[in-house]
């Protein structure tokens, strides 16, 4: 399938979480270059401002907005959505994530393990709060950004929050698997309701900083980094390339709900193409139980409009 992206973003409004760094930044930059109005959803407002400067240096006519969001704090999300200032969203890119390396298990304000809370629960709840805006736009899309790391993990439904056995890399991989399970299950449930919203899952492959071009003042790749990254370029690519699948999932009308897209070469580098998801990513029973647990932990359901809160109190 060939694809010409030129101008397909005109008139669209897209929210990208974690847009101040890495793959989220490049997704925002590339979507802005295609004419979309991009809302950068970031926890750090200073970094969001730097990202906007970097995008406008390359796309002077970019239409950009920013909103502060902390996916790790579920109680903050209704106010974040209220602050968007838009009536409808053509797409939301669930990209923000955290990968911890320290051996101590950390929790968020609600007591949930931090990687599972940020990467999965925060996005699960965000989609619930954004549902009216997504419903208001024709043919809207939810793009879940998974990870190659999810291929080698299985969810422990009895220990979703790694309370009994916490290992940072495994917990991260399971949080990304949870995201991907959610993305596929969301599409099944939307289709069953006849909703005009598609849920698509994307992963960026092996995306390295050393293979990523500089975007000052946000990110500057040194000569030493570039040289160290050259050998890896045989098998991996930069974060700008990893973002290409996200942009295609947002804009290409031939990409359909329920599909998985990733890099063409061994799932690690190259242009995006459609992949067949591994069976554990689409397990119906696991997805159903994960959905129920997520709704219980967050207090919201993406297919049931949450009650509005009076933030003036």
C-alpha atoms as a PDB file:
ATOM      1  CA  UNK A   1       0.000   0.000   0.000  1.00  0.00           C
ATOM      2  CA  UNK A   2       1.459   3.334  -1.040  1.00  0.00           C
ATOM      3  CA  UNK A   3       0.745   6.446   0.952  1.00  0.00           C
ATOM      4  CA  UNK A   4       1.113  10.157   0.277  1.00  0.00           C
ATOM      5  CA  UNK A   5       0.793  12.097   3.515  1.00  0.00           C
ATOM      6  CA  UNK A   6       0.844  15.541   1.939  1.00  0.00           C
ATOM      7  CA  UNK A   7      -1.650  17.899   3.510  1.00  0.00           C
ATOM      8  CA  UNK A   8      -3.776  15.197   5.140  1.00  0.00           C
ATOM      9  CA  UNK A   9      -3.609  16.931   8.503  1.00  0.00           C
ATOM     10  CA  UNK A  10      -5.341  20.105   7.350  1.00  0.00           C
ATOM     11  CA  UNK A  11      -8.316  20.875   9.559  1.00  0.00           C
ATOM     12  CA  UNK A  12      -7.556  18.132  12.071  1.00  0.00           C
ATOM     13  CA  UNK A  13      -6.860  18.607  15.772  1.00  0.00           C
ATOM     14  CA  UNK A  14      -4.635  15.996  17.412  1.00  0.00           C
ATOM     15  CA  UNK A  15      -3.611  15.625  21.051  1.00  0.00           C
ATOM     16  CA  UNK A  16      -0.224  13.987  21.673  1.00  0.00           C
ATOM     17  CA  UNK A  17       0.711  12.955  25.206  1.00  0.00           C
ATOM     18  CA  UNK A  18       4.368  13.172  26.148  1.00  0.00           C
ATOM     19  CA  UNK A  19       5.030  15.543  23.256  1.00  0.00           C
ATOM     20  CA  UNK A  20       7.969  17.376  24.811  1.00  0.00           C
ATOM     21  CA  UNK A  21      10.533  14.633  24.196  1.00  0.00           C
ATOM     22  CA  UNK A  22      11.459  11.656  22.068  1.00  0.00           C
ATOM     23  CA  UNK A  23       8.914   9.975  19.858  1.00  0.00           C
ATOM     24  CA  UNK A  24       6.067  12.163  21.094  1.00  0.00           C
ATOM     25  CA  UNK A  25       7.951  15.287  20.071  1.00  0.00           C
ATOM     26  CA  UNK A  26       8.644  14.003  16.565  1.00  0.00           C
ATOM     27  CA  UNK A  27       5.042  12.848  16.148  1.00  0.00           C
ATOM     28  CA  UNK A  28       3.936  16.376  17.048  1.00  0.00           C
ATOM     29  CA  UNK A  29       6.452  17.954  14.679  1.00  0.00           C
ATOM     30  CA  UNK A  30       5.503  15.706  11.769  1.00  0.00           C
ATOM     31  CA  UNK A  31       1.759  16.148  12.338  1.00  0.00           C
ATOM     32  CA  UNK A  32       2.224  19.926  12.459  1.00  0.00           C
ATOM     33  CA  UNK A  33       4.145  19.756   9.190  1.00  0.00           C
ATOM     34  CA  UNK A  34       1.121  17.993   7.662  1.00  0.00           C
ATOM     35  CA  UNK A  35      -1.127  20.896   8.648  1.00  0.00           C
ATOM     36  CA  UNK A  36      -2.742  19.503  11.798  1.00  0.00           C
ATOM     37  CA  UNK A  37      -3.382  21.597  14.879  1.00  0.00           C
ATOM     38  CA  UNK A  38      -1.368  19.754  17.513  1.00  0.00           C
ATOM     39  CA  UNK A  39      -2.029  19.910  21.238  1.00  0.00           C
ATOM     40  CA  UNK A  40       1.139  19.055  23.143  1.00  0.00           C
ATOM     41  CA  UNK A  41       0.147  17.328  26.381  1.00  0.00           C
ATOM     42  CA  UNK A  42       3.108  17.481  28.756  1.00  0.00           C
ATOM     43  CA  UNK A  43       3.772  17.247  32.479  1.00  0.00           C
ATOM     44  CA  UNK A  44       6.586  19.847  32.335  1.00  0.00           C
ATOM     45  CA  UNK A  45       5.341  23.165  30.910  1.00  0.00           C
ATOM     46  CA  UNK A  46       8.880  24.499  30.450  1.00  0.00           C
ATOM     47  CA  UNK A  47       9.751  21.551  28.218  1.00  0.00           C
ATOM     48  CA  UNK A  48       6.485  22.016  26.360  1.00  0.00           C
ATOM     49  CA  UNK A  49       7.495  25.601  25.576  1.00  0.00           C
ATOM     50  CA  UNK A  50      10.886  24.400  24.323  1.00  0.00           C
ATOM     51  CA  UNK A  51       9.191  21.799  22.138  1.00  0.00           C
ATOM     52  CA  UNK A  52       6.940  24.440  20.611  1.00  0.00           C
ATOM     53  CA  UNK A  53       9.986  26.607  19.848  1.00  0.00           C
ATOM     54  CA  UNK A  54      11.748  23.656  18.233  1.00  0.00           C
ATOM     55  CA  UNK A  55       8.731  22.771  16.074  1.00  0.00           C
ATOM     56  CA  UNK A  56       8.200  26.361  14.941  1.00  0.00           C
ATOM     57  CA  UNK A  57      11.874  26.600  13.960  1.00  0.00           C
ATOM     58  CA  UNK A  58      11.175  23.887  11.374  1.00  0.00           C
ATOM     59  CA  UNK A  59       7.479  24.483  10.723  1.00  0.00           C
ATOM     60  CA  UNK A  60       6.977  28.276  10.997  1.00  0.00           C
ATOM     61  CA  UNK A  61       3.247  28.065  10.268  1.00  0.00           C
ATOM     62  CA  UNK A  62       2.651  25.296  12.814  1.00  0.00           C
ATOM     63  CA  UNK A  63      -0.614  25.492  14.730  1.00  0.00           C
ATOM     64  CA  UNK A  64       0.287  24.449  18.250  1.00  0.00           C
ATOM     65  CA  UNK A  65      -1.349  24.416  21.652  1.00  0.00           C
ATOM     66  CA  UNK A  66      -0.148  22.995  24.944  1.00  0.00           C
ATOM     67  CA  UNK A  67      -1.825  21.689  28.048  1.00  0.00           C
ATOM     68  CA  UNK A  68      -0.292  20.482  31.273  1.00  0.00           C
ATOM     69  CA  UNK A  69      -1.115  16.881  32.075  1.00  0.00           C
ATOM     70  CA  UNK A  70       0.183  14.442  34.652  1.00  0.00           C
ATOM     71  CA  UNK A  71      -0.958  10.965  33.660  1.00  0.00           C
ATOM     72  CA  UNK A  72       0.447   9.572  36.886  1.00  0.00           C
ATOM     73  CA  UNK A  73      -2.127  11.575  38.862  1.00  0.00           C
ATOM     74  CA  UNK A  74      -5.589  10.358  37.915  1.00  0.00           C
ATOM     75  CA  UNK A  75      -7.306  13.092  39.905  1.00  0.00           C
ATOM     76  CA  UNK A  76      -5.755  15.788  37.679  1.00  0.00           C
ATOM     77  CA  UNK A  77      -7.131  14.524  34.360  1.00  0.00           C
ATOM     78  CA  UNK A  78     -10.617  16.095  34.393  1.00  0.00           C
ATOM     79  CA  UNK A  79      -9.063  19.555  34.841  1.00  0.00           C
ATOM     80  CA  UNK A  80      -6.563  18.806  32.065  1.00  0.00           C
ATOM     81  CA  UNK A  81      -9.368  17.967  29.645  1.00  0.00           C
ATOM     82  CA  UNK A  82     -11.336  21.057  30.684  1.00  0.00           C
ATOM     83  CA  UNK A  83      -8.251  23.172  29.929  1.00  0.00           C
ATOM     84  CA  UNK A  84      -7.909  21.934  26.344  1.00  0.00           C
ATOM     85  CA  UNK A  85     -10.180  24.615  24.946  1.00  0.00           C
ATOM     86  CA  UNK A  86     -11.297  22.554  21.941  1.00  0.00           C
ATOM     87  CA  UNK A  87     -14.743  21.152  21.177  1.00  0.00           C
ATOM     88  CA  UNK A  88     -13.633  18.073  19.281  1.00  0.00           C
ATOM     89  CA  UNK A  89     -10.545  15.948  18.696  1.00  0.00           C
ATOM     90  CA  UNK A  90      -9.811  14.086  15.488  1.00  0.00           C
ATOM     91  CA  UNK A  91      -7.219  11.928  17.232  1.00  0.00           C
ATOM     92  CA  UNK A  92      -5.419  11.364  20.491  1.00  0.00           C
ATOM     93  CA  UNK A  93      -1.974   9.770  20.540  1.00  0.00           C
ATOM     94  CA  UNK A  94      -1.380   7.846  23.771  1.00  0.00           C
ATOM     95  CA  UNK A  95       2.391   8.134  23.770  1.00  0.00           C
ATOM     96  CA  UNK A  96       3.644   9.399  27.142  1.00  0.00           C
ATOM     97  CA  UNK A  97       5.432   6.860  29.266  1.00  0.00           C
ATOM     98  CA  UNK A  98       7.957   6.313  31.975  1.00  0.00           C
ATOM     99  CA  UNK A  99      10.696   3.671  32.208  1.00  0.00           C
ATOM    100  CA  UNK A 100      12.242   3.407  35.663  1.00  0.00           C
ATOM    101  CA  UNK A 101      15.557   1.714  36.329  1.00  0.00           C
ATOM    102  CA  UNK A 102      15.953   1.893  40.102  1.00  0.00           C
ATOM    103  CA  UNK A 103      15.208  -1.336  42.007  1.00  0.00           C
ATOM    104  CA  UNK A 104      12.765   0.283  44.437  1.00  0.00           C
ATOM    105  CA  UNK A 105       9.090   0.094  43.494  1.00  0.00           C
ATOM    106  CA  UNK A 106       7.445   3.533  43.277  1.00  0.00           C
ATOM    107  CA  UNK A 107       3.773   4.480  43.436  1.00  0.00           C
ATOM    108  CA  UNK A 108       1.658   7.436  42.319  1.00  0.00           C
ATOM    109  CA  UNK A 109      -0.640   9.642  44.380  1.00  0.00           C
ATOM    110  CA  UNK A 110      -3.365   6.983  44.282  1.00  0.00           C
ATOM    111  CA  UNK A 111      -0.966   4.248  45.444  1.00  0.00           C
ATOM    112  CA  UNK A 112      -0.632   2.527  42.049  1.00  0.00           C
ATOM    113  CA  UNK A 113       2.739   1.305  40.755  1.00  0.00           C
ATOM    114  CA  UNK A 114       4.151   4.261  38.825  1.00  0.00           C
ATOM    115  CA  UNK A 115       4.901   2.713  35.419  1.00  0.00           C
ATOM    116  CA  UNK A 116       1.590   0.845  35.233  1.00  0.00           C
ATOM    117  CA  UNK A 117      -0.212   3.971  36.462  1.00  0.00           C
ATOM    118  CA  UNK A 118       1.407   6.344  33.960  1.00  0.00           C
ATOM    119  CA  UNK A 119       1.711   4.169  30.891  1.00  0.00           C
ATOM    120  CA  UNK A 120      -1.613   2.341  31.103  1.00  0.00           C
ATOM    121  CA  UNK A 121      -4.040   3.583  33.755  1.00  0.00           C
ATOM    122  CA  UNK A 122      -3.489   7.271  32.973  1.00  0.00           C
ATOM    123  CA  UNK A 123      -4.168   6.735  29.284  1.00  0.00           C
ATOM    124  CA  UNK A 124      -7.161   4.487  30.000  1.00  0.00           C
ATOM    125  CA  UNK A 125      -8.680   7.252  32.130  1.00  0.00           C
ATOM    126  CA  UNK A 126      -7.704  10.007  29.682  1.00  0.00           C
ATOM    127  CA  UNK A 127      -9.625   8.319  26.866  1.00  0.00           C
ATOM    128  CA  UNK A 128     -12.672   8.167  29.139  1.00  0.00           C
ATOM    129  CA  UNK A 129     -12.481  11.911  29.812  1.00  0.00           C
ATOM    130  CA  UNK A 130     -11.835  12.716  26.129  1.00  0.00           C
ATOM    131  CA  UNK A 131     -14.677  10.536  24.855  1.00  0.00           C
ATOM    132  CA  UNK A 132     -17.125  13.442  24.251  1.00  0.00           C
ATOM    133  CA  UNK A 133     -14.518  15.319  22.167  1.00  0.00           C
ATOM    134  CA  UNK A 134     -13.637  12.210  20.158  1.00  0.00           C
ATOM    135  CA  UNK A 135     -17.319  11.456  19.565  1.00  0.00           C
ATOM    136  CA  UNK A 136     -17.857  15.024  18.321  1.00  0.00           C
ATOM    137  CA  UNK A 137     -15.374  14.553  15.454  1.00  0.00           C
ATOM    138  CA  UNK A 138     -16.181  12.365  12.438  1.00  0.00           C
ATOM    139  CA  UNK A 139     -13.983   9.274  11.987  1.00  0.00           C
ATOM    140  CA  UNK A 140     -11.833  10.083  15.020  1.00  0.00           C
ATOM    141  CA  UNK A 141      -8.955   7.884  16.143  1.00  0.00           C
ATOM    142  CA  UNK A 142      -7.240   6.694  19.302  1.00  0.00           C
ATOM    143  CA  UNK A 143      -3.607   5.782  18.644  1.00  0.00           C
ATOM    144  CA  UNK A 144      -1.946   3.664  21.337  1.00  0.00           C
ATOM    145  CA  UNK A 145       1.852   3.643  21.245  1.00  0.00           C
ATOM    146  CA  UNK A 146       3.049   0.263  22.435  1.00  0.00           C
ATOM    147  CA  UNK A 147       6.541  -1.158  22.573  1.00  0.00           C
ATOM    148  CA  UNK A 148       8.676  -3.947  21.133  1.00  0.00           C
ATOM    149  CA  UNK A 149       9.265  -4.866  24.806  1.00  0.00           C
ATOM    150  CA  UNK A 150       5.672  -6.104  25.065  1.00  0.00           C
ATOM    151  CA  UNK A 151       6.431  -9.027  22.751  1.00  0.00           C
ATOM    152  CA  UNK A 152       8.294 -10.952  25.443  1.00  0.00           C
ATOM    153  CA  UNK A 153       5.994 -10.272  28.412  1.00  0.00           C
ATOM    154  CA  UNK A 154       2.778 -11.755  29.745  1.00  0.00           C
ATOM    155  CA  UNK A 155       0.398 -10.008  32.136  1.00  0.00           C
ATOM    156  CA  UNK A 156       0.028 -11.413  35.635  1.00  0.00           C
ATOM    157  CA  UNK A 157      -3.614 -10.536  36.259  1.00  0.00           C
ATOM    158  CA  UNK A 158      -3.157 -11.391  39.916  1.00  0.00           C
ATOM    159  CA  UNK A 159      -0.278  -8.935  40.262  1.00  0.00           C
ATOM    160  CA  UNK A 160      -0.936  -6.116  37.784  1.00  0.00           C
ATOM    161  CA  UNK A 161       0.896  -3.636  40.007  1.00  0.00           C
ATOM    162  CA  UNK A 162       3.989  -5.784  40.635  1.00  0.00           C
ATOM    163  CA  UNK A 163       3.434  -5.825  44.366  1.00  0.00           C
ATOM    164  CA  UNK A 164       4.762  -9.364  44.784  1.00  0.00           C
ATOM    165  CA  UNK A 165       7.555  -9.370  42.215  1.00  0.00           C
ATOM    166  CA  UNK A 166       8.837  -5.990  41.030  1.00  0.00           C
ATOM    167  CA  UNK A 167      11.517  -5.938  38.343  1.00  0.00           C
ATOM    168  CA  UNK A 168      11.763  -2.605  36.497  1.00  0.00           C
ATOM    169  CA  UNK A 169      12.244  -3.844  32.927  1.00  0.00           C
ATOM    170  CA  UNK A 170       9.608  -6.526  33.252  1.00  0.00           C
ATOM    171  CA  UNK A 171       7.144  -4.157  34.899  1.00  0.00           C
ATOM    172  CA  UNK A 172       7.717  -1.656  32.091  1.00  0.00           C
ATOM    173  CA  UNK A 173       7.181  -4.304  29.409  1.00  0.00           C
ATOM    174  CA  UNK A 174       3.979  -5.439  31.093  1.00  0.00           C
ATOM    175  CA  UNK A 175       2.697  -1.869  31.325  1.00  0.00           C
ATOM    176  CA  UNK A 176       3.216  -1.476  27.573  1.00  0.00           C
ATOM    177  CA  UNK A 177       1.529  -4.813  26.935  1.00  0.00           C
ATOM    178  CA  UNK A 178      -1.407  -3.571  29.008  1.00  0.00           C
ATOM    179  CA  UNK A 179      -1.577  -0.506  26.767  1.00  0.00           C
ATOM    180  CA  UNK A 180      -1.614  -2.633  23.633  1.00  0.00           C
ATOM    181  CA  UNK A 181      -4.254  -5.005  25.005  1.00  0.00           C
ATOM    182  CA  UNK A 182      -6.338  -1.942  25.826  1.00  0.00           C
ATOM    183  CA  UNK A 183      -5.900  -0.504  22.324  1.00  0.00           C
ATOM    184  CA  UNK A 184      -7.145  -3.670  20.638  1.00  0.00           C
ATOM    185  CA  UNK A 185      -9.964  -4.204  23.141  1.00  0.00           C
ATOM    186  CA  UNK A 186     -11.053  -0.583  22.802  1.00  0.00           C
ATOM    187  CA  UNK A 187     -11.504  -1.068  19.069  1.00  0.00           C
ATOM    188  CA  UNK A 188     -13.538  -4.250  19.578  1.00  0.00           C
ATOM    189  CA  UNK A 189     -15.868  -2.505  22.025  1.00  0.00           C
ATOM    190  CA  UNK A 190     -16.216   0.615  19.889  1.00  0.00           C
ATOM    191  CA  UNK A 191     -17.047  -1.495  16.838  1.00  0.00           C
ATOM    192  CA  UNK A 192     -19.627  -3.467  18.829  1.00  0.00           C
ATOM    193  CA  UNK A 193     -21.342  -0.183  19.714  1.00  0.00           C
ATOM    194  CA  UNK A 194     -21.190   1.097  16.140  1.00  0.00           C
ATOM    195  CA  UNK A 195     -19.071   4.052  17.241  1.00  0.00           C
ATOM    196  CA  UNK A 196     -17.366   6.215  14.606  1.00  0.00           C
ATOM    197  CA  UNK A 197     -14.030   5.979  16.426  1.00  0.00           C
ATOM    198  CA  UNK A 198     -11.139   3.702  15.437  1.00  0.00           C
ATOM    199  CA  UNK A 199      -8.519   2.426  17.877  1.00  0.00           C
ATOM    200  CA  UNK A 200      -5.147   1.623  16.303  1.00  0.00           C
ATOM    201  CA  UNK A 201      -1.982   0.282  17.942  1.00  0.00           C
ATOM    202  CA  UNK A 202       1.491   1.384  16.840  1.00  0.00           C
ATOM    203  CA  UNK A 203       4.979   0.633  18.080  1.00  0.00           C
ATOM    204  CA  UNK A 204       8.151   2.568  17.138  1.00  0.00           C
ATOM    205  CA  UNK A 205      10.589  -0.342  16.975  1.00  0.00           C
ATOM    206  CA  UNK A 206      14.118   0.265  18.236  1.00  0.00           C
ATOM    207  CA  UNK A 207      14.432   4.046  18.441  1.00  0.00           C
ATOM    208  CA  UNK A 208      17.673   5.472  19.839  1.00  0.00           C
ATOM    209  CA  UNK A 209      18.703   9.003  20.826  1.00  0.00           C
ATOM    210  CA  UNK A 210      22.068   8.425  19.141  1.00  0.00           C
ATOM    211  CA  UNK A 211      20.324   7.990  15.785  1.00  0.00           C
ATOM    212  CA  UNK A 212      17.958  10.922  16.299  1.00  0.00           C
ATOM    213  CA  UNK A 213      18.625  14.362  14.753  1.00  0.00           C
ATOM    214  CA  UNK A 214      19.060  17.382  17.009  1.00  0.00           C
ATOM    215  CA  UNK A 215      16.157  19.675  17.790  1.00  0.00           C
ATOM    216  CA  UNK A 216      17.626  22.609  19.710  1.00  0.00           C
ATOM    217  CA  UNK A 217      16.911  23.930  22.259  1.00  0.00           C
ATOM    218  CA  UNK A 218      15.061  20.746  23.207  1.00  0.00           C
ATOM    219  CA  UNK A 219      17.631  18.121  22.259  1.00  0.00           C
ATOM    220  CA  UNK A 220      21.130  18.303  20.781  1.00  0.00           C
ATOM    221  CA  UNK A 221      22.900  15.151  19.604  1.00  0.00           C
ATOM    222  CA  UNK A 222      26.622  15.422  20.088  1.00  0.00           C
ATOM    223  CA  UNK A 223      29.216  14.196  17.605  1.00  0.00           C
ATOM    224  CA  UNK A 224      30.259  11.526  20.072  1.00  0.00           C
ATOM    225  CA  UNK A 225      26.672  10.281  20.351  1.00  0.00           C
ATOM    226  CA  UNK A 226      26.336  10.196  16.583  1.00  0.00           C
ATOM    227  CA  UNK A 227      29.523   8.165  16.173  1.00  0.00           C
ATOM    228  CA  UNK A 228      28.557   5.733  18.920  1.00  0.00           C
ATOM    229  CA  UNK A 229      25.193   5.227  17.266  1.00  0.00           C
ATOM    230  CA  UNK A 230      26.466   4.481  13.758  1.00  0.00           C
ATOM    231  CA  UNK A 231      26.877   0.694  14.235  1.00  0.00           C
ATOM    232  CA  UNK A 232      23.396   0.430  15.735  1.00  0.00           C
ATOM    233  CA  UNK A 233      21.954   2.053  12.621  1.00  0.00           C
ATOM    234  CA  UNK A 234      22.186  -1.308  10.859  1.00  0.00           C
ATOM    235  CA  UNK A 235      19.395  -2.713  13.041  1.00  0.00           C
ATOM    236  CA  UNK A 236      17.736   0.295  14.696  1.00  0.00           C
ATOM    237  CA  UNK A 237      16.645   3.827  13.826  1.00  0.00           C
ATOM    238  CA  UNK A 238      16.073   7.247  15.384  1.00  0.00           C
ATOM    239  CA  UNK A 239      13.046   8.525  17.223  1.00  0.00           C
ATOM    240  CA  UNK A 240      12.043  10.678  14.265  1.00  0.00           C
ATOM    241  CA  UNK A 241      11.702   7.481  12.219  1.00  0.00           C
ATOM    242  CA  UNK A 242       9.901   5.725  15.047  1.00  0.00           C
ATOM    243  CA  UNK A 243       7.257   8.459  15.010  1.00  0.00           C
ATOM    244  CA  UNK A 244       6.374   7.847  11.344  1.00  0.00           C
ATOM    245  CA  UNK A 245       4.011   5.002  12.178  1.00  0.00           C
ATOM    246  CA  UNK A 246       2.086   7.229  14.565  1.00  0.00           C
ATOM    247  CA  UNK A 247       1.633   9.904  11.913  1.00  0.00           C
ATOM    248  CA  UNK A 248       0.454   7.358   9.376  1.00  0.00           C
ATOM    249  CA  UNK A 249      -2.025   5.858  11.864  1.00  0.00           C
ATOM    250  CA  UNK A 250      -3.454   9.318  12.517  1.00  0.00           C
ATOM    251  CA  UNK A 251      -3.725  10.475   8.897  1.00  0.00           C
ATOM    252  CA  UNK A 252      -3.937   7.507   6.525  1.00  0.00           C
ATOM    253  CA  UNK A 253      -7.608   6.687   5.908  1.00  0.00           C
ATOM    254  CA  UNK A 254      -6.647   3.180   4.765  1.00  0.00           C
ATOM    255  CA  UNK A 255      -5.311   2.341   8.224  1.00  0.00           C
ATOM    256  CA  UNK A 256      -8.218   0.713  10.037  1.00  0.00           C
ATOM    257  CA  UNK A 257      -9.205   0.203  13.631  1.00  0.00           C
ATOM    258  CA  UNK A 258      -7.843  -2.913  15.305  1.00  0.00           C
ATOM    259  CA  UNK A 259      -4.641  -2.911  13.277  1.00  0.00           C
ATOM    260  CA  UNK A 260      -1.039  -2.969  14.536  1.00  0.00           C
ATOM    261  CA  UNK A 261       1.618  -0.922  12.744  1.00  0.00           C
ATOM    262  CA  UNK A 262       5.376  -0.975  13.273  1.00  0.00           C
ATOM    263  CA  UNK A 263       8.695  -0.694  11.396  1.00  0.00           C
ATOM    264  CA  UNK A 264       9.058  -2.925   8.360  1.00  0.00           C
ATOM    265  CA  UNK A 265      12.494  -4.466   9.047  1.00  0.00           C
ATOM    266  CA  UNK A 266      12.189  -7.081  11.807  1.00  0.00           C
ATOM    267  CA  UNK A 267       9.866  -4.726  13.675  1.00  0.00           C
ATOM    268  CA  UNK A 268      12.887  -2.621  14.625  1.00  0.00           C
ATOM    269  CA  UNK A 269      13.570  -0.114  11.871  1.00  0.00           C
ATOM    270  CA  UNK A 270      12.314   1.164   8.549  1.00  0.00           C
ATOM    271  CA  UNK A 271       9.079   2.522   7.164  1.00  0.00           C
ATOM    272  CA  UNK A 272       5.870   1.595   8.964  1.00  0.00           C
ATOM    273  CA  UNK A 273       3.839  -1.350   7.771  1.00  0.00           C
ATOM    274  CA  UNK A 274       0.968  -3.434   9.078  1.00  0.00           C
ATOM    275  CA  UNK A 275       1.958  -6.258  11.421  1.00  0.00           C
ATOM    276  CA  UNK A 276       0.135  -9.281  12.762  1.00  0.00           C
ATOM    277  CA  UNK A 277      -0.104  -8.858  16.537  1.00  0.00           C
ATOM    278  CA  UNK A 278       1.146 -11.657  18.751  1.00  0.00           C
ATOM    279  CA  UNK A 279      -1.649 -13.752  20.235  1.00  0.00           C
ATOM    280  CA  UNK A 280      -1.039 -12.554  23.800  1.00  0.00           C
ATOM    281  CA  UNK A 281      -1.642  -8.946  22.684  1.00  0.00           C
ATOM    282  CA  UNK A 282      -5.186  -9.727  21.566  1.00  0.00           C
ATOM    283  CA  UNK A 283      -6.216 -12.355  24.130  1.00  0.00           C
ATOM    284  CA  UNK A 284      -9.923 -11.670  24.649  1.00  0.00           C
ATOM    285  CA  UNK A 285     -10.170 -13.042  28.179  1.00  0.00           C
ATOM    286  CA  UNK A 286      -7.062 -11.219  29.398  1.00  0.00           C
ATOM    287  CA  UNK A 287      -8.206  -7.979  27.736  1.00  0.00           C
ATOM    288  CA  UNK A 288     -11.663  -8.242  29.300  1.00  0.00           C
ATOM    289  CA  UNK A 289     -10.260  -8.814  32.776  1.00  0.00           C
ATOM    290  CA  UNK A 290      -7.691  -6.040  32.336  1.00  0.00           C
ATOM    291  CA  UNK A 291     -10.456  -3.646  31.252  1.00  0.00           C
ATOM    292  CA  UNK A 292     -12.533  -4.481  34.320  1.00  0.00           C
ATOM    293  CA  UNK A 293      -9.541  -4.050  36.632  1.00  0.00           C
ATOM    294  CA  UNK A 294      -8.573  -0.763  34.976  1.00  0.00           C
ATOM    295  CA  UNK A 295     -12.090   0.630  35.296  1.00  0.00           C
ATOM    296  CA  UNK A 296     -12.100  -0.359  38.967  1.00  0.00           C
ATOM    297  CA  UNK A 297      -8.681   1.216  39.644  1.00  0.00           C
ATOM    298  CA  UNK A 298      -9.407   4.472  37.783  1.00  0.00           C
ATOM    299  CA  UNK A 299     -13.097   4.849  38.570  1.00  0.00           C
ATOM    300  CA  UNK A 300     -13.942   5.540  34.899  1.00  0.00           C
ATOM    301  CA  UNK A 301     -14.702   3.565  31.746  1.00  0.00           C
ATOM    302  CA  UNK A 302     -13.779   4.873  28.250  1.00  0.00           C
ATOM    303  CA  UNK A 303     -17.175   3.786  26.915  1.00  0.00           C
ATOM    304  CA  UNK A 304     -19.177   5.357  29.727  1.00  0.00           C
ATOM    305  CA  UNK A 305     -19.103   9.116  30.033  1.00  0.00           C
ATOM    306  CA  UNK A 306     -17.683  10.082  33.455  1.00  0.00           C
ATOM    307  CA  UNK A 307     -19.636  12.378  35.699  1.00  0.00           C
ATOM    308  CA  UNK A 308     -18.597  16.004  35.436  1.00  0.00           C
ATOM    309  CA  UNK A 309     -16.979  17.618  38.430  1.00  0.00           C
ATOM    310  CA  UNK A 310     -17.246  21.177  39.666  1.00  0.00           C
ATOM    311  CA  UNK A 311     -13.602  22.339  39.704  1.00  0.00           C
ATOM    312  CA  UNK A 312     -14.580  25.653  41.342  1.00  0.00           C
ATOM    313  CA  UNK A 313     -14.902  23.987  44.711  1.00  0.00           C
END
